[in-house]
Protein backbone atom coordinates (compact mmCIF):
# COMPACT_ATOMS: atom_id res chain seq x y z
CA MET A 1 110.83 109.13 89.66
CA ASP A 2 113.68 109.23 92.92
CA LEU A 3 110.88 110.67 95.22
CA GLY A 4 114.35 111.18 97.68
CA LEU A 5 112.80 108.72 100.28
CA ASN A 6 116.17 106.75 100.61
CA GLY A 7 116.27 106.78 104.23
CA LYS A 8 113.57 108.73 105.68
CA VAL A 9 111.54 107.43 108.79
CA VAL A 10 108.02 107.24 107.93
CA LEU A 11 105.51 106.92 110.74
CA VAL A 12 101.87 104.93 108.97
CA ALA A 13 99.16 103.80 111.33
CA ALA A 14 97.04 101.26 111.48
CA ALA A 15 99.07 99.48 108.79
CA SER A 16 98.49 95.77 109.18
CA LYS A 17 95.91 96.01 106.22
CA GLY A 18 94.11 98.09 104.14
CA LEU A 19 95.25 101.02 102.86
CA GLY A 20 97.67 101.41 105.55
CA ARG A 21 99.28 98.14 104.71
CA ALA A 22 99.29 99.53 101.16
CA ILE A 23 101.04 102.62 102.15
CA ALA A 24 103.84 101.53 104.52
CA GLU A 25 104.30 98.31 101.02
CA GLU A 26 104.74 101.31 99.00
CA PHE A 27 107.20 103.96 101.45
CA ALA A 28 109.24 100.09 101.91
CA ARG A 29 109.63 100.11 98.12
CA GLU A 30 111.13 103.72 98.10
CA LYS A 31 113.81 102.21 100.65
CA ALA A 32 112.01 104.13 103.94
CA LYS A 33 112.79 102.79 107.23
CA ILE A 34 109.04 102.57 108.33
CA ALA A 35 107.09 102.01 111.30
CA MET A 36 104.17 100.64 111.28
CA CYS A 37 101.20 99.71 113.86
CA SER A 38 98.09 98.33 114.88
CA ARG A 39 96.09 96.95 117.05
CA GLU A 40 97.05 93.55 117.21
CA GLU A 41 100.17 92.66 117.54
CA GLY A 42 100.09 89.01 115.33
CA ALA A 43 98.70 90.94 112.41
CA ILE A 44 101.23 93.74 112.59
CA SER A 45 104.38 91.26 112.89
CA ALA A 46 102.91 89.59 109.52
CA ALA A 47 102.15 92.22 107.45
CA ALA A 48 105.76 93.76 107.89
CA GLN A 49 107.21 90.25 107.83
CA GLU A 50 105.43 89.75 104.32
CA ILE A 51 106.40 93.76 102.75
CA GLU A 52 109.98 92.38 103.53
CA ARG A 53 109.61 89.37 101.28
CA LYS A 54 107.73 91.86 98.81
CA THR A 55 110.12 94.60 98.90
CA GLY A 56 113.88 93.46 100.28
CA ASN A 57 113.42 96.30 102.38
CA PRO A 58 114.58 95.02 106.40
CA ASP A 59 114.13 98.62 107.54
CA LEU A 60 110.25 97.90 109.44
CA LEU A 61 109.49 98.24 112.94
CA PRO A 62 106.18 96.37 113.66
CA ILE A 63 104.12 98.11 116.75
CA ALA A 64 101.51 96.77 118.88
CA ALA A 65 99.46 100.16 119.35
CA ASP A 66 95.62 101.56 119.52
CA VAL A 67 95.86 104.56 117.79
CA SER A 68 92.36 105.43 119.43
CA THR A 69 94.09 105.70 122.84
CA LYS A 70 96.24 108.49 124.17
CA GLU A 71 98.59 105.52 125.00
CA GLY A 72 98.64 103.88 122.12
CA CYS A 73 99.58 107.33 120.42
CA GLU A 74 102.10 107.81 122.76
CA SER A 75 103.78 104.40 122.19
CA PHE A 76 104.10 104.38 118.88
CA VAL A 77 105.81 107.05 118.09
CA GLN A 78 108.60 107.27 121.01
CA LEU A 79 109.34 103.69 120.22
CA ALA A 80 109.41 104.60 116.62
CA GLN A 81 111.79 107.83 117.06
CA SER A 82 113.96 105.61 120.18
CA THR A 83 114.28 102.94 117.06
CA PHE A 84 115.42 104.79 114.43
CA GLY A 85 116.44 108.57 116.00
CA ALA A 86 114.53 110.80 113.89
CA ILE A 87 110.35 111.51 112.40
CA ASP A 88 110.40 112.89 108.78
CA ILE A 89 106.85 111.65 107.89
CA LEU A 90 103.61 110.94 109.74
CA ILE A 91 101.30 109.16 107.78
CA VAL A 92 97.71 109.53 109.90
CA ASN A 93 95.05 106.23 108.96
CA ALA A 94 92.86 104.83 111.25
CA GLY A 95 89.50 102.20 110.53
CA GLY A 96 86.85 104.04 109.54
CA PRO A 97 84.30 104.55 112.19
CA PRO A 98 81.60 102.15 111.82
CA PRO A 99 78.28 103.14 109.09
CA GLY A 100 75.25 104.12 110.54
CA ARG A 101 72.46 106.63 110.35
CA PHE A 102 71.80 108.80 112.17
CA ASP A 103 68.85 107.47 114.73
CA ASP A 104 70.73 104.61 115.02
CA LEU A 105 73.45 106.12 117.54
CA ASP A 106 74.21 107.06 120.66
CA ASP A 107 76.24 108.67 122.43
CA THR A 108 78.93 106.34 122.77
CA ALA A 109 79.23 105.83 119.30
CA TRP A 110 80.02 109.07 118.78
CA HIS A 111 82.77 109.26 121.43
CA LYS A 112 84.76 106.18 119.99
CA ALA A 113 84.31 107.70 116.27
CA VAL A 114 86.30 111.12 117.46
CA ASP A 115 88.67 109.19 119.78
CA LEU A 116 89.46 106.78 116.19
CA THR A 117 89.13 109.44 113.99
CA LEU A 118 89.60 112.91 114.97
CA PHE A 119 92.11 112.25 118.30
CA SER A 120 94.50 109.59 116.30
CA ALA A 121 95.27 113.03 113.80
CA VAL A 122 95.15 115.38 117.23
CA ARG A 123 97.45 113.01 119.24
CA LEU A 124 99.72 111.68 116.91
CA THR A 125 100.56 115.03 115.10
CA ARG A 126 101.20 116.37 118.38
CA LEU A 127 103.53 113.93 119.48
CA VAL A 128 105.55 114.35 116.45
CA LEU A 129 105.91 117.71 116.35
CA PRO A 130 108.81 117.84 118.94
CA GLN A 131 111.04 116.43 116.84
CA MET A 132 110.23 118.19 112.80
CA ARG A 133 110.50 121.25 114.58
CA LYS A 134 113.97 120.35 115.85
CA GLN A 135 114.66 119.08 112.48
CA GLY A 136 113.20 121.55 110.70
CA SER A 137 111.24 119.85 108.11
CA GLY A 138 108.50 117.38 108.33
CA SER A 139 105.41 115.86 106.29
CA ILE A 140 102.15 115.21 107.66
CA VAL A 141 99.44 113.38 105.84
CA TYR A 142 95.94 112.51 106.48
CA SER A 143 94.35 109.46 105.24
CA THR A 144 90.62 110.76 105.00
CA SER A 145 87.79 110.53 103.37
CA THR A 146 86.09 111.74 99.79
CA SER A 147 83.45 112.21 101.82
CA VAL A 148 84.71 115.18 103.47
CA ARG A 149 83.71 117.34 99.61
CA GLN A 150 80.59 115.65 99.53
CA PRO A 151 78.82 113.83 102.29
CA THR A 152 75.50 112.84 100.98
CA GLN A 153 76.76 110.32 98.97
CA TYR A 154 77.29 108.32 101.54
CA LEU A 155 74.09 108.55 104.36
CA ASN A 156 74.86 105.47 106.64
CA LEU A 157 78.64 107.31 106.78
CA ILE A 158 77.91 109.73 109.28
CA LEU A 159 80.32 109.40 112.06
CA SER A 160 82.90 109.11 109.03
CA ASN A 161 81.37 112.33 107.19
CA ALA A 162 80.88 114.51 110.41
CA ILE A 163 84.39 114.02 112.21
CA ARG A 164 86.54 113.50 108.59
CA ALA A 165 85.81 117.10 108.12
CA SER A 166 87.62 118.15 111.45
CA VAL A 167 90.32 116.60 110.56
CA HIS A 168 90.55 118.47 107.54
CA GLY A 169 89.79 121.84 108.98
CA MET A 170 93.09 120.99 111.51
CA LEU A 171 94.96 120.34 108.49
CA LYS A 172 94.00 123.68 106.61
CA THR A 173 95.56 125.74 109.56
CA LEU A 174 98.63 123.44 110.49
CA SER A 175 99.36 123.44 107.36
CA SER A 176 99.54 127.60 107.56
CA ASP A 177 100.47 127.48 110.96
CA LEU A 178 103.49 125.24 110.38
CA ALA A 179 104.91 126.36 107.30
CA LYS A 180 107.73 128.42 108.98
CA ASP A 181 109.02 125.29 110.34
CA GLY A 182 108.98 123.41 107.05
CA ILE A 183 106.68 121.13 107.87
CA ARG A 184 104.04 120.00 105.23
CA VAL A 185 100.38 119.04 105.91
CA ASN A 186 98.17 117.53 103.52
CA ALA A 187 95.47 114.92 102.94
CA VAL A 188 94.60 112.36 100.23
CA GLN A 189 90.91 111.12 99.83
CA PRO A 190 90.20 107.68 98.78
CA GLY A 191 87.08 106.96 97.32
CA ARG A 192 86.38 102.99 96.48
CA ILE A 193 89.33 101.74 96.78
CA ALA A 194 89.03 97.81 97.07
CA THR A 195 89.70 96.97 100.84
CA ASP A 196 88.14 94.97 103.22
CA ARG A 197 86.61 98.41 105.03
CA LEU A 198 84.81 98.79 101.76
CA ILE A 199 83.99 95.51 101.58
CA GLN A 200 82.31 96.16 104.87
CA LEU A 201 80.22 99.33 103.78
CA ASP A 202 79.28 97.80 100.48
CA THR A 203 77.51 94.96 102.66
CA ASP A 204 75.92 97.45 104.96
CA THR A 205 74.43 99.35 101.96
CA ALA A 206 72.74 96.05 100.37
CA ARG A 207 71.42 95.48 104.10
CA ARG A 208 69.61 98.64 103.94
CA GLN A 209 68.60 98.71 99.64
CA GLY A 210 67.49 95.44 100.12
CA THR A 211 70.32 94.29 97.37
CA SER A 212 73.52 92.41 97.33
CA PRO A 213 77.14 93.99 97.90
CA ASP A 214 77.71 93.36 94.00
CA GLU A 215 75.16 95.10 93.49
CA VAL A 216 75.37 97.90 95.29
CA ARG A 217 79.31 97.59 92.87
CA LYS A 218 78.16 97.22 89.73
CA ARG A 219 76.34 100.28 90.72
CA TYR A 220 78.43 102.29 91.63
CA GLU A 221 81.14 101.36 88.66
CA SER A 222 78.60 101.85 85.90
CA SER A 223 76.84 104.88 86.63
CA VAL A 224 79.29 106.67 89.17
CA ILE A 225 82.66 106.56 88.94
CA PRO A 226 83.78 107.64 85.56
CA MET A 227 86.71 105.39 85.16
CA GLY A 228 84.31 102.73 85.85
CA ARG A 229 85.97 100.49 88.45
CA TYR A 230 87.23 100.54 92.05
CA GLY A 231 90.29 101.72 92.95
CA LYS A 232 93.15 99.64 93.58
CA PRO A 233 95.13 99.91 97.32
CA GLU A 234 98.17 100.36 95.81
CA GLU A 235 96.52 103.40 93.65
CA TYR A 236 95.85 105.14 96.52
CA ALA A 237 99.34 104.47 98.25
CA ALA A 238 101.25 105.68 95.14
CA ALA A 239 99.36 108.98 95.81
CA VAL A 240 100.01 109.55 99.40
CA VAL A 241 103.71 108.19 99.16
CA PHE A 242 104.47 111.29 96.22
CA ILE A 243 102.83 114.08 98.45
CA ALA A 244 104.52 112.93 101.45
CA SER A 245 107.75 112.51 99.78
CA PRO A 246 110.13 115.48 98.68
CA LYS A 247 109.37 115.61 95.89
CA ALA A 248 105.96 117.28 96.57
CA SER A 249 108.24 120.16 98.73
CA TYR A 250 105.77 122.96 97.66
CA ILE A 251 102.57 121.08 98.43
CA THR A 252 100.81 122.02 101.78
CA GLY A 253 97.26 122.25 102.50
CA VAL A 254 95.97 120.64 100.08
CA SER A 255 93.10 117.75 100.09
CA LEU A 256 93.93 115.24 96.99
CA GLN A 257 91.49 112.99 96.21
CA VAL A 258 91.92 109.60 94.35
CA ASP A 259 88.68 108.51 93.45
CA GLY A 260 88.64 107.50 89.54
CA GLY A 261 86.75 111.11 88.74
CA MET A 262 83.86 110.27 91.06
CA LEU A 263 83.30 113.25 92.67
CA MET A 264 81.66 116.68 90.19
CA SER A 265 82.52 119.19 92.48
CA MET A 266 85.47 121.30 91.10
CA PHE A 267 86.89 122.11 94.63
């Protein structure tokens, strides 16, 4: 299927590894022009080079920027726009807040998590809207988590559970407000996708339960995930790229879960 992404300008935050990296690679396969950022210049440059090698797409702009800061968000968007001259799609992605139970976390931890998870979404969205409104079109996708629908699955992820829910409240309001400008706003929620982040979470869970990360994974795959396995980053990326693309032109205000059937809720 031609998703209509050839030549479209896409910004993918936190794209040196994990889900962000997989998303950037999937857009590259669709021949989009991609600005991709990470805090570490070496890591994002290496990721861009590898994606170009695998896809043959040379239109990749690696940018060193920390999206948990105002300056980082501004640098990312400004460099992307000045290089490519347009912004068609924004993928808001960031490494998740660290695991921890409520009693483990002080104000500093909460402030850092808000900057990383909520304010990256607020700032990046604010920065791309003038160009998208000028064009009369745009697509914004927030990469979040299935925990916004079922927070009690992850009792040691209270930072993520609390703050990602606010991102979803923002997107639902924005989707209605921006529809008149031709701008769509959606989210995609990963379940248990096999990334370094999930290894970190499984390791923390195993420590708290006195078991091993392999045992944690086996439990999810045998009794929690109906499809019986963790997802692949490229499977998640395919869903993000579709919902961001012109082929999903009548979809806005949606939160799509990609979790192998793990969540039991209807909505």
